[in-house]
Amino acid sequence: MKTQVLSKPIEVLLIEDKPLDIRYLKRSLTEGDADGFDLKCVGRLSDAMQCLDENEYDIILMDLTLPDSEGFNTFISVRMHSPEVPIILLTDLNDEDLAVRSLQNGAQDYLIKGQVDPHLLRRSIRFAMERHQVIQKENRLAYYDSLTNLPNRQLFCDRVSQALTHAQRNDKMVSLMFIDLDGFKAVNDTMGHDMGDLLLQAVARRLECCLRKSDTVARIGGDEFTCILPNIEQAGDLHIVARKIIKALSTPFELKGQNVCISGSVGASLFPDDSKDAEVLIKNADVAMYRAKTEGKNNYQVYSEISDHDVEIVLPPILARIPFMPSAHNQLGKLKQYANVK
């Protein structure tokens, strides 16, 4: 969400397709308000996603019944796409259970059409923005890496769970990627930890540039990063993203007037092709990343394309270091079963 400047209007994205409601909301927000609102209206969920990709908004007002999406999943789709923007639901559905469920999943308010006057709507918007800012500050301390400002391991796991739930409901694909930096230790050892920290920050920004706004890149520790790519249209899309990441990381970084050269090893898994279980998908992506390491680094591997023999080679060190996996799976036979190896 953008930092609000008092002299600028509040940027509102209205997701609504009913002409009478649109006219009423426009009048409510644009007449007689000294501070002002700048309102953008779209009538379809797909158009809303495009607007959120192309512009920044301070708040979203949305109905749950649209031509191309209905119900709770409409809200979840927007929430997952733009978690940094507060959302107010404005709907005909006077459903207390739906209201509670929406608030529990991140909506800032749930308003019923016909029960909202201009003063209440404006107040709801301002309170929602204030509450969201407070929540964002608290979440940043608990769920974000302090060095790179990327989501940390805990938030990554939460978003994986959300992405898979949404994908299962909507028959979508999701890709998980593990990224390990090749040559980072040498930078730390020869150029110092301060330079290493600058490099990690620069890597974070480059990874963000490789992804869509709806994707997630996280730092899960040391020189390891992960990506969540929801709503993959086809399996080939993950190859496109992986190649972009490999190219971005192999381009020299200019830090304090020096060129710093590293590369990346990337492993990917795909829901639902590789598994429908979050822990297994995470482990599979890590298996693929280790395979990339053994193939000479500076490349990417996809789990579904790895042979059983190669999985046997890379599984033991993964179990020893990844906390997602139950410690009881310490024998290769059990590991292979847990990995869902064919």
Protein backbone atom coordinates (compact mmCIF):
# COMPACT_ATOMS: atom_id res chain seq x y z
CA MET A 1 0.00 0.00 0.00
CA LYS A 2 1.23 3.47 -0.81
CA THR A 3 2.24 5.83 1.98
CA GLN A 4 -0.61 8.33 2.13
CA VAL A 5 0.23 12.00 1.61
CA LEU A 6 -2.48 14.30 3.01
CA SER A 7 -2.47 16.64 0.04
CA LYS A 8 -3.19 13.80 -2.40
CA PRO A 9 -6.51 12.06 -2.95
CA ILE A 10 -7.06 8.54 -1.67
CA GLU A 11 -6.71 6.13 -4.59
CA VAL A 12 -9.73 3.79 -4.54
CA LEU A 13 -10.26 0.74 -6.75
CA LEU A 14 -13.98 -0.04 -6.93
CA ILE A 15 -14.78 -3.56 -8.16
CA GLU A 16 -18.49 -3.36 -8.99
CA ASP A 17 -20.60 -4.09 -12.07
CA LYS A 18 -24.03 -2.69 -11.11
CA PRO A 19 -24.58 0.80 -12.64
CA LEU A 20 -26.87 2.09 -9.85
CA ASP A 21 -24.41 1.08 -7.13
CA ILE A 22 -21.52 2.60 -9.07
CA ARG A 23 -23.29 5.94 -9.41
CA TYR A 24 -24.20 6.02 -5.72
CA LEU A 25 -20.67 5.16 -4.60
CA LYS A 26 -19.13 7.74 -6.93
CA ARG A 27 -21.39 10.44 -5.52
CA SER A 28 -20.66 9.32 -1.97
CA LEU A 29 -16.91 9.58 -2.46
CA THR A 30 -16.49 12.53 -4.79
CA GLU A 31 -19.02 15.13 -3.57
CA GLY A 32 -18.38 17.48 -0.67
CA ASP A 33 -15.18 15.90 0.65
CA ALA A 34 -12.29 18.28 1.21
CA ASP A 35 -9.67 15.54 1.29
CA GLY A 36 -10.97 13.83 -1.84
CA PHE A 37 -10.99 10.40 -3.38
CA ASP A 38 -9.71 9.33 -6.78
CA LEU A 39 -12.00 6.50 -7.90
CA LYS A 40 -11.23 3.85 -10.52
CA CYS A 41 -14.09 1.46 -11.32
CA VAL A 42 -13.95 -1.97 -12.99
CA GLY A 43 -16.75 -4.49 -13.38
CA ARG A 44 -14.89 -7.79 -13.63
CA LEU A 45 -12.41 -9.62 -11.43
CA SER A 46 -10.03 -10.08 -14.37
CA ASP A 47 -10.02 -6.32 -15.01
CA ALA A 48 -9.37 -5.68 -11.32
CA MET A 49 -6.31 -7.95 -11.39
CA GLN A 50 -4.95 -6.07 -14.39
CA CYS A 51 -5.46 -2.71 -12.66
CA LEU A 52 -3.68 -3.96 -9.55
CA ASP A 53 -0.78 -5.15 -11.71
CA GLU A 54 -0.47 -1.80 -13.46
CA ASN A 55 -1.26 0.73 -10.69
CA GLU A 56 -1.05 1.29 -6.95
CA TYR A 57 -4.14 1.83 -4.81
CA ASP A 58 -4.69 2.88 -1.22
CA ILE A 59 -7.83 0.79 -0.75
CA ILE A 60 -10.15 -1.61 -2.57
CA LEU A 61 -13.96 -1.54 -2.39
CA MET A 62 -15.44 -4.67 -3.87
CA ASP A 63 -18.65 -6.60 -4.39
CA LEU A 64 -18.59 -10.39 -4.12
CA THR A 65 -20.90 -11.00 -7.07
CA LEU A 66 -19.23 -10.25 -10.40
CA PRO A 67 -19.77 -11.53 -13.94
CA ASP A 68 -16.63 -13.67 -13.83
CA SER A 69 -16.49 -14.59 -10.11
CA GLU A 70 -18.88 -15.02 -7.19
CA GLY A 71 -18.73 -15.44 -3.43
CA PHE A 72 -15.89 -15.77 -0.95
CA ASN A 73 -13.39 -16.90 -3.58
CA THR A 74 -13.75 -13.50 -5.27
CA PHE A 75 -12.40 -11.82 -2.15
CA ILE A 76 -9.66 -14.42 -1.65
CA SER A 77 -8.47 -13.96 -5.22
CA VAL A 78 -8.00 -10.22 -4.71
CA ARG A 79 -6.55 -10.66 -1.22
CA MET A 80 -3.92 -13.12 -2.44
CA HIS A 81 -3.08 -10.96 -5.45
CA SER A 82 -2.58 -7.73 -3.46
CA PRO A 83 -2.11 -8.47 0.27
CA GLU A 84 -0.58 -5.02 0.81
CA VAL A 85 -3.85 -3.20 -0.05
CA PRO A 86 -6.72 -3.04 2.49
CA ILE A 87 -10.07 -4.38 1.27
CA ILE A 88 -13.62 -3.39 2.22
CA LEU A 89 -16.41 -5.68 1.08
CA LEU A 90 -19.58 -3.88 -0.03
CA THR A 91 -22.25 -6.38 -0.92
CA ASP A 92 -25.95 -7.30 -1.02
CA LEU A 93 -25.16 -10.50 0.88
CA ASN A 94 -26.34 -9.98 4.48
CA ASP A 95 -24.56 -13.12 5.63
CA GLU A 96 -23.03 -12.97 9.11
CA ASP A 97 -21.01 -16.16 8.68
CA LEU A 98 -19.56 -14.87 5.40
CA ALA A 99 -18.78 -11.53 7.03
CA VAL A 100 -16.92 -13.18 9.93
CA ARG A 101 -15.06 -15.50 7.57
CA SER A 102 -14.00 -12.56 5.39
CA LEU A 103 -12.78 -10.52 8.36
CA GLN A 104 -10.83 -13.51 9.67
CA ASN A 105 -9.11 -13.76 6.29
CA GLY A 106 -8.02 -10.14 6.08
CA ALA A 107 -10.98 -7.98 5.02
CA GLN A 108 -11.01 -4.67 6.89
CA ASP A 109 -14.80 -4.24 6.84
CA TYR A 110 -17.99 -5.87 5.56
CA LEU A 111 -20.70 -3.39 4.58
CA ILE A 112 -24.22 -4.09 3.38
CA LYS A 113 -25.54 -2.12 0.43
CA GLY A 114 -28.54 -0.01 1.38
CA GLN A 115 -27.25 0.36 4.93
CA VAL A 116 -24.31 2.65 4.10
CA ASP A 117 -24.51 6.43 3.82
CA PRO A 118 -21.68 8.64 2.45
CA HIS A 119 -20.40 9.57 5.91
CA LEU A 120 -20.25 5.92 7.05
CA LEU A 121 -18.51 4.86 3.83
CA ARG A 122 -15.83 7.53 4.08
CA ARG A 123 -15.26 6.79 7.76
CA SER A 124 -15.01 3.07 7.03
CA ILE A 125 -12.37 3.74 4.37
CA ARG A 126 -10.24 5.91 6.65
CA PHE A 127 -10.49 3.51 9.60
CA ALA A 128 -9.68 0.55 7.33
CA MET A 129 -6.55 2.26 6.07
CA GLU A 130 -5.40 3.11 9.59
CA ARG A 131 -6.03 -0.42 10.88
CA HIS A 132 -4.26 -1.92 7.90
CA GLN A 133 -1.19 0.25 8.44
CA VAL A 134 -0.97 -0.86 12.08
CA ILE A 135 -1.37 -4.51 11.10
CA GLN A 136 1.25 -4.15 8.36
CA LYS A 137 3.77 -2.73 10.84
CA GLU A 138 3.15 -5.59 13.27
CA ASN A 139 3.32 -8.18 10.49
CA ARG A 140 6.56 -6.75 9.16
CA LEU A 141 8.28 -7.44 12.46
CA ALA A 142 6.93 -10.99 12.69
CA TYR A 143 6.76 -12.15 9.08
CA TYR A 144 9.44 -10.28 7.12
CA ASP A 145 13.19 -10.65 6.89
CA SER A 146 14.78 -7.53 8.39
CA LEU A 147 17.70 -7.45 5.93
CA THR A 148 15.88 -7.85 2.61
CA ASN A 149 12.31 -6.87 3.57
CA LEU A 150 11.13 -10.08 1.92
CA PRO A 151 8.66 -12.50 3.55
CA ASN A 152 10.40 -14.88 5.94
CA ARG A 153 10.04 -18.64 6.28
CA GLN A 154 6.85 -18.45 8.35
CA LEU A 155 5.04 -16.14 5.93
CA PHE A 156 6.28 -18.23 3.01
CA CYS A 157 4.67 -21.33 4.52
CA ASP A 158 1.42 -19.45 5.17
CA ARG A 159 1.29 -18.22 1.58
CA VAL A 160 2.04 -21.68 0.20
CA SER A 161 -0.94 -23.01 2.13
CA GLN A 162 -3.18 -20.19 0.87
CA ALA A 163 -2.02 -20.59 -2.72
CA LEU A 164 -2.64 -24.35 -2.74
CA THR A 165 -6.09 -23.98 -1.15
CA HIS A 166 -7.06 -21.40 -3.76
CA ALA A 167 -5.60 -23.49 -6.59
CA GLN A 168 -7.50 -26.59 -5.50
CA ARG A 169 -10.80 -24.70 -5.37
CA ASN A 170 -10.28 -23.09 -8.77
CA ASP A 171 -8.49 -25.89 -10.62
CA LYS A 172 -5.26 -23.88 -11.02
CA MET A 173 -1.57 -24.76 -11.03
CA VAL A 174 1.04 -23.42 -8.59
CA SER A 175 4.83 -23.61 -8.86
CA LEU A 176 7.25 -23.51 -5.93
CA MET A 177 10.90 -22.63 -6.52
CA PHE A 178 13.95 -22.95 -4.30
CA ILE A 179 16.94 -20.76 -5.15
CA ASP A 180 20.42 -21.14 -3.72
CA LEU A 181 23.15 -18.61 -4.53
CA ASP A 182 26.31 -20.08 -6.06
CA GLY A 183 29.47 -18.36 -4.85
CA PHE A 184 27.91 -16.34 -2.03
CA LYS A 185 30.18 -17.81 0.65
CA ALA A 186 33.25 -16.73 -1.29
CA VAL A 187 31.91 -13.15 -1.41
CA ASN A 188 31.32 -13.20 2.34
CA ASP A 189 34.76 -14.66 3.05
CA THR A 190 36.80 -12.43 0.73
CA MET A 191 34.83 -9.15 0.70
CA GLY A 192 33.30 -9.14 4.16
CA HIS A 193 29.85 -9.59 5.66
CA ASP A 194 28.79 -6.02 4.91
CA MET A 195 29.30 -6.66 1.22
CA GLY A 196 27.49 -9.96 1.61
CA ASP A 197 24.49 -8.17 3.13
CA LEU A 198 24.44 -5.67 0.27
CA LEU A 199 24.54 -8.55 -2.18
CA LEU A 200 21.57 -10.29 -0.51
CA GLN A 201 19.58 -7.05 -0.69
CA ALA A 202 20.43 -6.63 -4.38
CA VAL A 203 19.50 -10.25 -5.08
CA ALA A 204 16.12 -9.71 -3.40
CA ARG A 205 15.35 -6.75 -5.66
CA ARG A 206 16.36 -8.65 -8.81
CA LEU A 207 14.21 -11.62 -7.88
CA GLU A 208 11.23 -9.33 -7.33
CA CYS A 209 11.75 -7.90 -10.81
CA CYS A 210 11.53 -11.41 -12.29
CA LEU A 211 8.07 -12.04 -10.84
CA ARG A 212 4.52 -10.74 -11.08
CA LYS A 213 2.94 -8.71 -8.29
CA SER A 214 0.80 -11.72 -7.39
CA ASP A 215 3.90 -13.92 -6.91
CA THR A 216 5.87 -14.22 -3.68
CA VAL A 217 9.63 -14.23 -3.22
CA ALA A 218 10.87 -15.01 0.29
CA ARG A 219 14.19 -15.37 2.05
CA ILE A 220 14.15 -18.49 4.21
CA GLY A 221 17.67 -18.16 5.59
CA GLY A 222 21.29 -17.50 4.65
CA ASP A 223 21.59 -17.31 0.87
CA GLU A 224 18.41 -19.30 0.17
CA PHE A 225 15.32 -17.82 -1.41
CA THR A 226 11.98 -19.26 -2.44
CA CYS A 227 9.26 -18.24 -4.90
CA ILE A 228 5.55 -19.01 -5.09
CA LEU A 229 3.97 -18.68 -8.53
CA PRO A 230 0.18 -19.00 -8.19
CA ASN A 231 -2.28 -19.30 -11.08
CA ILE A 232 0.20 -20.80 -13.53
CA GLU A 233 -1.56 -21.13 -16.88
CA GLN A 234 0.62 -23.98 -18.15
CA ALA A 235 3.58 -25.98 -16.88
CA GLY A 236 5.90 -24.30 -19.38
CA ASP A 237 5.46 -20.96 -17.61
CA LEU A 238 7.70 -22.05 -14.75
CA HIS A 239 10.53 -22.67 -17.24
CA ILE A 240 10.20 -19.08 -18.48
CA VAL A 241 10.43 -17.70 -14.93
CA ALA A 242 13.31 -20.00 -13.99
CA ARG A 243 15.33 -18.87 -17.02
CA LYS A 244 14.69 -15.22 -16.11
CA ILE A 245 15.97 -15.87 -12.58
CA ILE A 246 19.10 -17.67 -13.81
CA LYS A 247 19.88 -14.79 -16.19
CA ALA A 248 19.23 -12.13 -13.53
CA LEU A 249 21.49 -13.76 -10.96
CA SER A 250 24.35 -14.40 -13.40
CA THR A 251 24.50 -10.73 -14.38
CA PRO A 252 27.26 -9.01 -12.31
CA PHE A 253 26.16 -6.89 -9.36
CA GLU A 254 27.77 -3.47 -8.95
CA LEU A 255 28.27 -2.90 -5.22
CA LYS A 256 30.38 -0.07 -3.82
CA GLY A 257 32.03 0.39 -7.20
CA GLN A 258 32.96 -3.28 -7.56
CA ASN A 259 31.52 -5.96 -9.83
CA VAL A 260 30.39 -8.96 -7.80
CA CYS A 261 29.71 -12.15 -9.73
CA ILE A 262 27.58 -15.03 -8.50
CA SER A 263 24.97 -17.33 -10.03
CA GLY A 264 21.96 -19.31 -8.87
CA SER A 265 20.81 -22.91 -8.69
CA VAL A 266 17.03 -23.20 -9.00
CA GLY A 267 14.71 -26.13 -8.30
CA ALA A 268 10.99 -26.16 -9.08
CA SER A 269 7.98 -28.30 -8.26
CA LEU A 270 4.43 -28.01 -9.59
CA PHE A 271 0.99 -28.39 -8.01
CA PRO A 272 -0.87 -30.63 -8.64
CA ASP A 273 1.43 -32.58 -10.99
CA ASP A 274 4.18 -33.35 -8.46
CA SER A 275 1.99 -33.46 -5.37
CA LYS A 276 -1.03 -31.84 -3.72
CA ASP A 277 0.68 -31.73 -0.33
CA ALA A 278 2.51 -28.55 0.71
CA GLU A 279 5.36 -30.26 2.57
CA VAL A 280 6.00 -32.67 -0.28
CA LEU A 281 5.99 -29.86 -2.86
CA ILE A 282 8.45 -27.88 -0.76
CA LYS A 283 10.74 -30.87 -0.43
CA ASN A 284 10.44 -31.68 -4.12
CA ALA A 285 11.51 -28.17 -5.06
CA ASP A 286 14.49 -28.54 -2.74
CA VAL A 287 15.38 -31.90 -4.30
CA ALA A 288 15.33 -30.24 -7.72
CA MET A 289 17.52 -27.39 -6.46
CA TYR A 290 20.10 -29.85 -5.13
CA ARG A 291 20.03 -31.60 -8.49
CA ALA A 292 20.83 -28.26 -10.13
CA LYS A 293 23.83 -27.98 -7.79
CA THR A 294 25.10 -31.41 -8.81
CA GLU A 295 24.66 -30.50 -12.48
CA GLY A 296 27.29 -27.77 -12.21
CA LYS A 297 25.24 -24.92 -10.69
CA ASN A 298 23.93 -21.87 -12.60
CA ASN A 299 20.97 -23.87 -13.95
CA TYR A 300 17.45 -24.92 -13.02
CA GLN A 301 15.84 -28.34 -12.60
CA VAL A 302 12.18 -29.37 -12.43
CA TYR A 303 11.30 -32.16 -10.01
CA SER A 304 9.13 -34.11 -12.46
CA GLU A 305 12.10 -34.41 -14.83
CA ILE A 306 14.48 -35.94 -12.25
CA SER A 307 15.09 -39.68 -12.25
CA ASP A 308 14.57 -41.92 -9.21
CA HIS A 309 18.31 -42.56 -8.99
CA ASP A 310 19.09 -38.84 -8.80
CA VAL A 311 16.47 -38.37 -6.09
CA GLU A 312 18.15 -41.08 -4.02
CA ILE A 313 21.44 -39.20 -4.23
CA VAL A 314 20.18 -35.79 -3.15
CA LEU A 315 17.55 -36.69 -0.52
CA PRO A 316 19.76 -37.46 2.53
CA PRO A 317 21.42 -34.02 2.85
CA ILE A 318 18.07 -32.32 2.30
CA LEU A 319 16.41 -34.13 5.19
CA ALA A 320 19.29 -33.13 7.45
CA ARG A 321 18.80 -29.42 6.88
CA ILE A 322 15.16 -28.68 6.00
CA PRO A 323 12.84 -28.22 9.00
CA PHE A 324 9.67 -28.78 6.96
CA MET A 325 10.24 -32.54 7.08
CA PRO A 326 9.40 -34.90 9.96
CA SER A 327 12.58 -36.05 11.69
CA ALA A 328 11.29 -39.62 11.73
CA HIS A 329 11.97 -39.95 8.00
CA ASN A 330 15.64 -40.69 8.42
CA GLN A 331 15.98 -43.78 6.30
CA LEU A 332 16.25 -43.70 2.54
CA GLY A 333 13.33 -46.07 2.02
CA LYS A 334 11.04 -43.87 4.09
CA LEU A 335 12.42 -40.79 2.39
CA LYS A 336 11.57 -42.15 -1.02
CA GLN A 337 8.05 -42.98 0.15
CA TYR A 338 7.64 -39.51 1.65
CA ALA A 339 8.98 -37.95 -1.54
CA ASN A 340 6.27 -39.76 -3.51
CA VAL A 341 8.93 -41.04 -5.89
CA LYS A 342 7.42 -43.15 -8.64
